[in-house]
Amino acid sequence: MSKKLRIGQKNRPGNRPFIAIPIQAKNKQELSTCVRIANESHADVIEWRIDAWQDLQTLTPTVIVATIAEIQQPMILTWRTAEEGGQKAYDRNAYYRLYKTAITSGVGAIDLEVRWIKELAELRALANQYDVPVIASRHDWEWPIDMTERLMSLKDLPVDIIKYAVTVEHEEQVTQLLMTTQTLSEMTEQPLITMGMGSYGSATRLDGFTYGSQLTFAHLGVTSAPGQLTLHEVRNHFEVD
């Protein structure tokens, strides 16, 4: 049975999933606005999508440390690579530099794509040393024939949390994703985060919690994935005051 999800020092509420919102600042000026909006949002968790940053040379340790300190909620640091729908191709040196700074500066969790898990073993070890949860993520932009097997296989990864997102195009796929999530949550201690992308996937962002998904993403005007609902809609659904 999956453990209760923890991001930073914050445990998931007992009767609902974590509600996370992304910030996708391109530069320091936008980041200041995003930090203010995040702190006023009442979201549980903030995901900082650093792949949106235009010039990574200007994303200095000082900026990262200050941002982690300024944001009031626990933060997930994510570089979504272009291979999985993000805005920047994978650059090992830059990736390692940015993640190392975040890990040693009190970030709540880091997102590592499954395809880079082995290559970034040093980052995983460093995260473990600093008690920073590691999320292994996979994003399938087309529904794979072996979806169930793909999702189930993630339990064998040496990580703390499993995240899987897949584009769903009809109700049968929604049902299959939810049922596989439930089965996996009963087989592993790793907390799960699963969701369907696209218009049909919106329902999984609300109903997934019933099946074992412990975090859902919402937005405040700019989505980071298709099918995301607004923070207002998600909070209302879960009757968050």
Protein backbone atom coordinates (compact mmCIF):
# COMPACT_ATOMS: atom_id res chain seq x y z
CA MET A 1 0.00 0.00 0.00
CA SER A 2 1.32 3.42 -0.95
CA LYS A 3 2.61 5.67 1.81
CA LYS A 4 1.15 9.14 2.28
CA LEU A 5 2.84 11.58 -0.07
CA ARG A 6 5.33 14.05 1.41
CA ILE A 7 6.74 17.10 -0.35
CA GLY A 8 9.35 18.86 1.73
CA GLN A 9 8.14 18.73 5.32
CA LYS A 10 4.48 18.80 4.33
CA ASN A 11 2.34 15.66 4.33
CA ARG A 12 -0.69 15.25 2.09
CA PRO A 13 -4.02 16.23 3.68
CA GLY A 14 -5.96 13.23 4.90
CA ASN A 15 -9.09 13.60 2.78
CA ARG A 16 -7.83 14.92 -0.55
CA PRO A 17 -4.76 15.07 -2.80
CA PHE A 18 -2.13 17.76 -2.77
CA ILE A 19 -3.09 20.52 -5.20
CA ALA A 20 -0.07 21.86 -7.08
CA ILE A 21 0.29 24.74 -9.50
CA PRO A 22 3.17 25.34 -11.93
CA ILE A 23 5.19 28.51 -12.32
CA GLN A 24 6.83 28.95 -15.71
CA ALA A 25 8.81 32.18 -15.50
CA LYS A 26 11.07 33.05 -18.43
CA ASN A 27 13.27 35.54 -16.56
CA LYS A 28 13.82 37.27 -13.22
CA GLN A 29 11.09 39.84 -13.80
CA GLU A 30 8.47 37.19 -14.50
CA LEU A 31 9.75 35.11 -11.59
CA SER A 32 9.05 37.91 -9.12
CA THR A 33 5.45 38.04 -10.32
CA CYS A 34 5.11 34.25 -10.22
CA VAL A 35 6.43 34.07 -6.66
CA ARG A 36 3.90 36.67 -5.51
CA ILE A 37 1.03 34.89 -7.25
CA ALA A 38 2.13 31.51 -5.88
CA ASN A 39 2.23 32.83 -2.33
CA GLU A 40 -1.27 34.26 -2.70
CA SER A 41 -2.72 31.19 -4.41
CA HIS A 42 -3.46 28.86 -1.47
CA ALA A 43 -2.07 25.95 -3.51
CA ASP A 44 -0.48 23.19 -1.42
CA VAL A 45 2.60 22.73 -3.60
CA ILE A 46 4.40 24.78 -6.25
CA GLU A 47 6.12 23.18 -9.24
CA TRP A 48 8.88 25.35 -10.67
CA ARG A 49 9.24 24.48 -14.35
CA ILE A 50 12.76 25.72 -14.95
CA ASP A 51 12.69 24.55 -18.57
CA ALA A 52 10.62 27.68 -19.28
CA TRP A 53 13.59 29.91 -18.33
CA GLN A 54 14.96 31.56 -21.47
CA ASP A 55 18.68 31.79 -20.61
CA LEU A 56 19.76 29.18 -18.10
CA GLN A 57 23.08 30.97 -17.60
CA THR A 58 21.11 33.66 -15.74
CA LEU A 59 19.43 31.09 -13.51
CA THR A 60 22.17 31.38 -10.91
CA PRO A 61 22.48 29.70 -7.51
CA THR A 62 21.52 33.03 -5.93
CA VAL A 63 18.24 33.09 -7.87
CA ILE A 64 17.43 29.47 -7.02
CA VAL A 65 18.22 29.82 -3.32
CA ALA A 66 16.22 33.04 -3.04
CA THR A 67 13.21 31.59 -4.85
CA ILE A 68 13.07 28.48 -2.69
CA ALA A 69 13.25 30.69 0.39
CA GLU A 70 10.62 33.17 -0.83
CA ILE A 71 7.95 30.68 -1.88
CA GLN A 72 5.88 29.75 1.15
CA GLN A 73 4.76 26.32 -0.05
CA PRO A 74 7.00 23.30 -0.61
CA MET A 75 8.40 23.29 -4.13
CA ILE A 76 9.00 20.61 -6.75
CA LEU A 77 11.86 21.47 -9.10
CA THR A 78 11.20 20.23 -12.64
CA TRP A 79 13.12 20.46 -15.89
CA ARG A 80 10.67 18.91 -18.34
CA THR A 81 12.79 18.05 -21.34
CA ALA A 82 11.69 18.57 -24.92
CA GLU A 83 11.63 14.79 -25.32
CA GLU A 84 8.68 14.69 -22.92
CA GLY A 85 6.88 17.85 -23.94
CA GLY A 86 8.98 20.47 -22.16
CA GLN A 87 10.59 23.62 -23.49
CA LYS A 88 14.27 22.69 -23.42
CA ALA A 89 16.33 19.76 -24.58
CA TYR A 90 18.26 17.79 -21.98
CA ASP A 91 21.64 19.31 -21.08
CA ARG A 92 23.35 17.16 -18.47
CA ASN A 93 25.74 19.79 -17.16
CA ALA A 94 23.10 22.49 -16.74
CA TYR A 95 20.60 19.98 -15.38
CA TYR A 96 23.04 18.70 -12.78
CA ARG A 97 24.12 22.22 -11.76
CA LEU A 98 20.58 23.50 -11.24
CA TYR A 99 19.29 20.42 -9.47
CA LYS A 100 22.31 20.20 -7.17
CA THR A 101 21.78 23.80 -6.08
CA ALA A 102 18.10 23.17 -5.39
CA ILE A 103 18.73 19.96 -3.44
CA THR A 104 21.25 21.63 -1.16
CA SER A 105 19.02 24.69 -0.69
CA GLY A 106 15.90 23.11 0.76
CA VAL A 107 13.74 22.29 -2.26
CA GLY A 108 10.74 20.11 -1.40
CA ALA A 109 11.25 17.46 -4.10
CA ILE A 110 12.88 16.97 -7.49
CA ASP A 111 11.36 15.55 -10.66
CA LEU A 112 13.65 13.27 -12.67
CA GLU A 113 12.40 11.82 -15.93
CA VAL A 114 12.60 8.03 -16.06
CA ARG A 115 14.84 8.12 -19.13
CA TRP A 116 17.58 9.91 -17.13
CA ILE A 117 17.27 8.04 -13.81
CA LYS A 118 20.34 5.85 -14.30
CA GLU A 119 22.50 8.62 -15.73
CA LEU A 120 21.67 10.91 -12.80
CA ALA A 121 22.41 8.42 -10.02
CA GLU A 122 24.66 10.99 -8.31
CA LEU A 123 21.75 13.42 -8.06
CA ARG A 124 19.54 10.72 -6.57
CA ALA A 125 22.20 9.95 -3.98
CA LEU A 126 22.57 13.64 -3.14
CA ALA A 127 18.80 14.01 -2.80
CA ASN A 128 18.70 11.05 -0.42
CA GLN A 129 21.50 12.61 1.62
CA TYR A 130 19.45 15.81 2.02
CA ASP A 131 16.14 13.96 2.53
CA VAL A 132 14.69 15.42 -0.67
CA PRO A 133 12.10 13.09 -2.26
CA VAL A 134 12.83 12.02 -5.83
CA ILE A 135 9.91 11.81 -8.25
CA ALA A 136 10.41 9.55 -11.27
CA SER A 137 8.22 10.90 -14.07
CA ARG A 138 7.14 9.60 -17.43
CA HIS A 139 4.91 11.34 -19.99
CA ASP A 140 3.38 9.51 -22.95
CA TRP A 141 1.82 11.94 -25.41
CA GLU A 142 0.16 9.09 -27.28
CA TRP A 143 -1.62 6.19 -25.61
CA PRO A 144 0.74 3.19 -25.67
CA ILE A 145 -0.61 -0.30 -26.25
CA ASP A 146 1.32 -1.46 -23.18
CA MET A 147 0.18 1.41 -20.91
CA THR A 148 -0.62 -0.87 -17.98
CA GLU A 149 2.76 -2.59 -18.16
CA ARG A 150 4.59 0.73 -18.48
CA LEU A 151 2.93 2.19 -15.43
CA MET A 152 3.34 -0.96 -13.36
CA SER A 153 7.04 -1.22 -14.21
CA LEU A 154 7.78 2.14 -12.58
CA LYS A 155 7.52 0.55 -9.13
CA ASP A 156 10.91 -1.08 -9.72
CA LEU A 157 12.74 2.24 -9.97
CA PRO A 158 14.97 3.35 -7.03
CA VAL A 159 12.90 6.47 -6.30
CA ASP A 160 10.54 7.79 -3.65
CA ILE A 161 7.54 8.81 -5.76
CA ILE A 162 6.11 7.68 -9.11
CA LYS A 163 4.52 10.09 -11.58
CA TYR A 164 2.88 9.03 -14.84
CA ALA A 165 0.95 11.15 -17.32
CA VAL A 166 -0.58 9.89 -20.56
CA THR A 167 -2.87 11.33 -23.20
CA VAL A 168 -6.32 9.73 -23.00
CA GLU A 169 -8.81 9.95 -25.86
CA HIS A 170 -11.88 8.07 -24.65
CA GLU A 171 -13.59 6.76 -21.53
CA GLU A 172 -12.14 3.26 -21.76
CA GLN A 173 -8.64 4.67 -21.50
CA VAL A 174 -9.67 6.82 -18.53
CA THR A 175 -10.98 3.72 -16.78
CA GLN A 176 -7.86 1.71 -17.59
CA LEU A 177 -5.59 4.43 -16.21
CA LEU A 178 -7.58 4.77 -13.00
CA MET A 179 -7.82 1.02 -12.41
CA THR A 180 -4.10 0.52 -13.06
CA THR A 181 -3.36 3.32 -10.61
CA GLN A 182 -5.47 1.58 -7.99
CA THR A 183 -3.77 -1.77 -8.58
CA LEU A 184 -0.30 -0.25 -8.39
CA SER A 185 -1.12 1.72 -5.23
CA GLU A 186 -1.95 -1.58 -3.54
CA MET A 187 1.36 -3.15 -4.62
CA THR A 188 3.95 -0.49 -3.78
CA GLU A 189 4.82 1.80 -0.90
CA GLN A 190 5.83 4.54 -3.33
CA PRO A 191 3.20 7.30 -3.46
CA LEU A 192 1.67 7.71 -6.90
CA ILE A 193 0.85 10.74 -9.03
CA THR A 194 -1.04 9.80 -12.19
CA MET A 195 -3.15 11.77 -14.62
CA GLY A 196 -4.65 11.69 -18.07
CA MET A 197 -3.79 14.53 -20.42
CA GLY A 198 -6.24 16.10 -22.85
CA SER A 199 -9.93 16.92 -22.49
CA TYR A 200 -10.88 13.37 -21.49
CA GLY A 201 -8.09 13.38 -18.95
CA SER A 202 -9.55 16.24 -16.93
CA ALA A 203 -11.73 13.81 -14.99
CA THR A 204 -8.68 11.87 -13.80
CA ARG A 205 -7.31 15.03 -12.21
CA LEU A 206 -10.30 14.99 -9.86
CA ASP A 207 -11.19 11.31 -9.60
CA GLY A 208 -7.63 10.01 -9.46
CA PHE A 209 -7.40 10.49 -5.72
CA THR A 210 -10.08 7.84 -5.16
CA TYR A 211 -7.85 5.38 -7.02
CA GLY A 212 -4.57 6.24 -5.30
CA SER A 213 -3.16 9.33 -7.04
CA GLN A 214 -1.98 11.68 -4.30
CA LEU A 215 -1.30 14.96 -6.14
CA THR A 216 -3.16 16.82 -8.86
CA PHE A 217 -2.04 19.79 -10.92
CA ALA A 218 -4.14 22.89 -11.48
CA HIS A 219 -3.40 26.27 -13.02
CA LEU A 220 -3.93 29.98 -12.51
CA GLY A 221 -4.28 30.93 -16.17
CA VAL A 222 -1.33 29.25 -17.88
CA THR A 223 -1.44 25.46 -18.13
CA SER A 224 1.67 23.28 -18.12
CA ALA A 225 -0.14 20.28 -19.64
CA PRO A 226 -3.36 19.78 -21.62
CA GLY A 227 -6.44 19.03 -19.55
CA GLN A 228 -5.43 20.93 -16.42
CA LEU A 229 -8.30 22.54 -14.56
CA THR A 230 -8.15 25.89 -12.79
CA LEU A 231 -7.10 26.03 -9.16
CA HIS A 232 -10.56 27.38 -8.33
CA GLU A 233 -12.26 24.38 -9.96
CA VAL A 234 -10.06 21.86 -8.18
CA ARG A 235 -10.35 23.53 -4.78
CA ASN A 236 -14.14 23.67 -5.14
CA HIS A 237 -14.29 20.00 -6.09
CA PHE A 238 -12.43 18.98 -2.96
CA GLU A 239 -14.25 21.58 -0.85
CA VAL A 240 -11.06 23.30 0.24
CA ASP A 241 -11.78 26.43 2.28
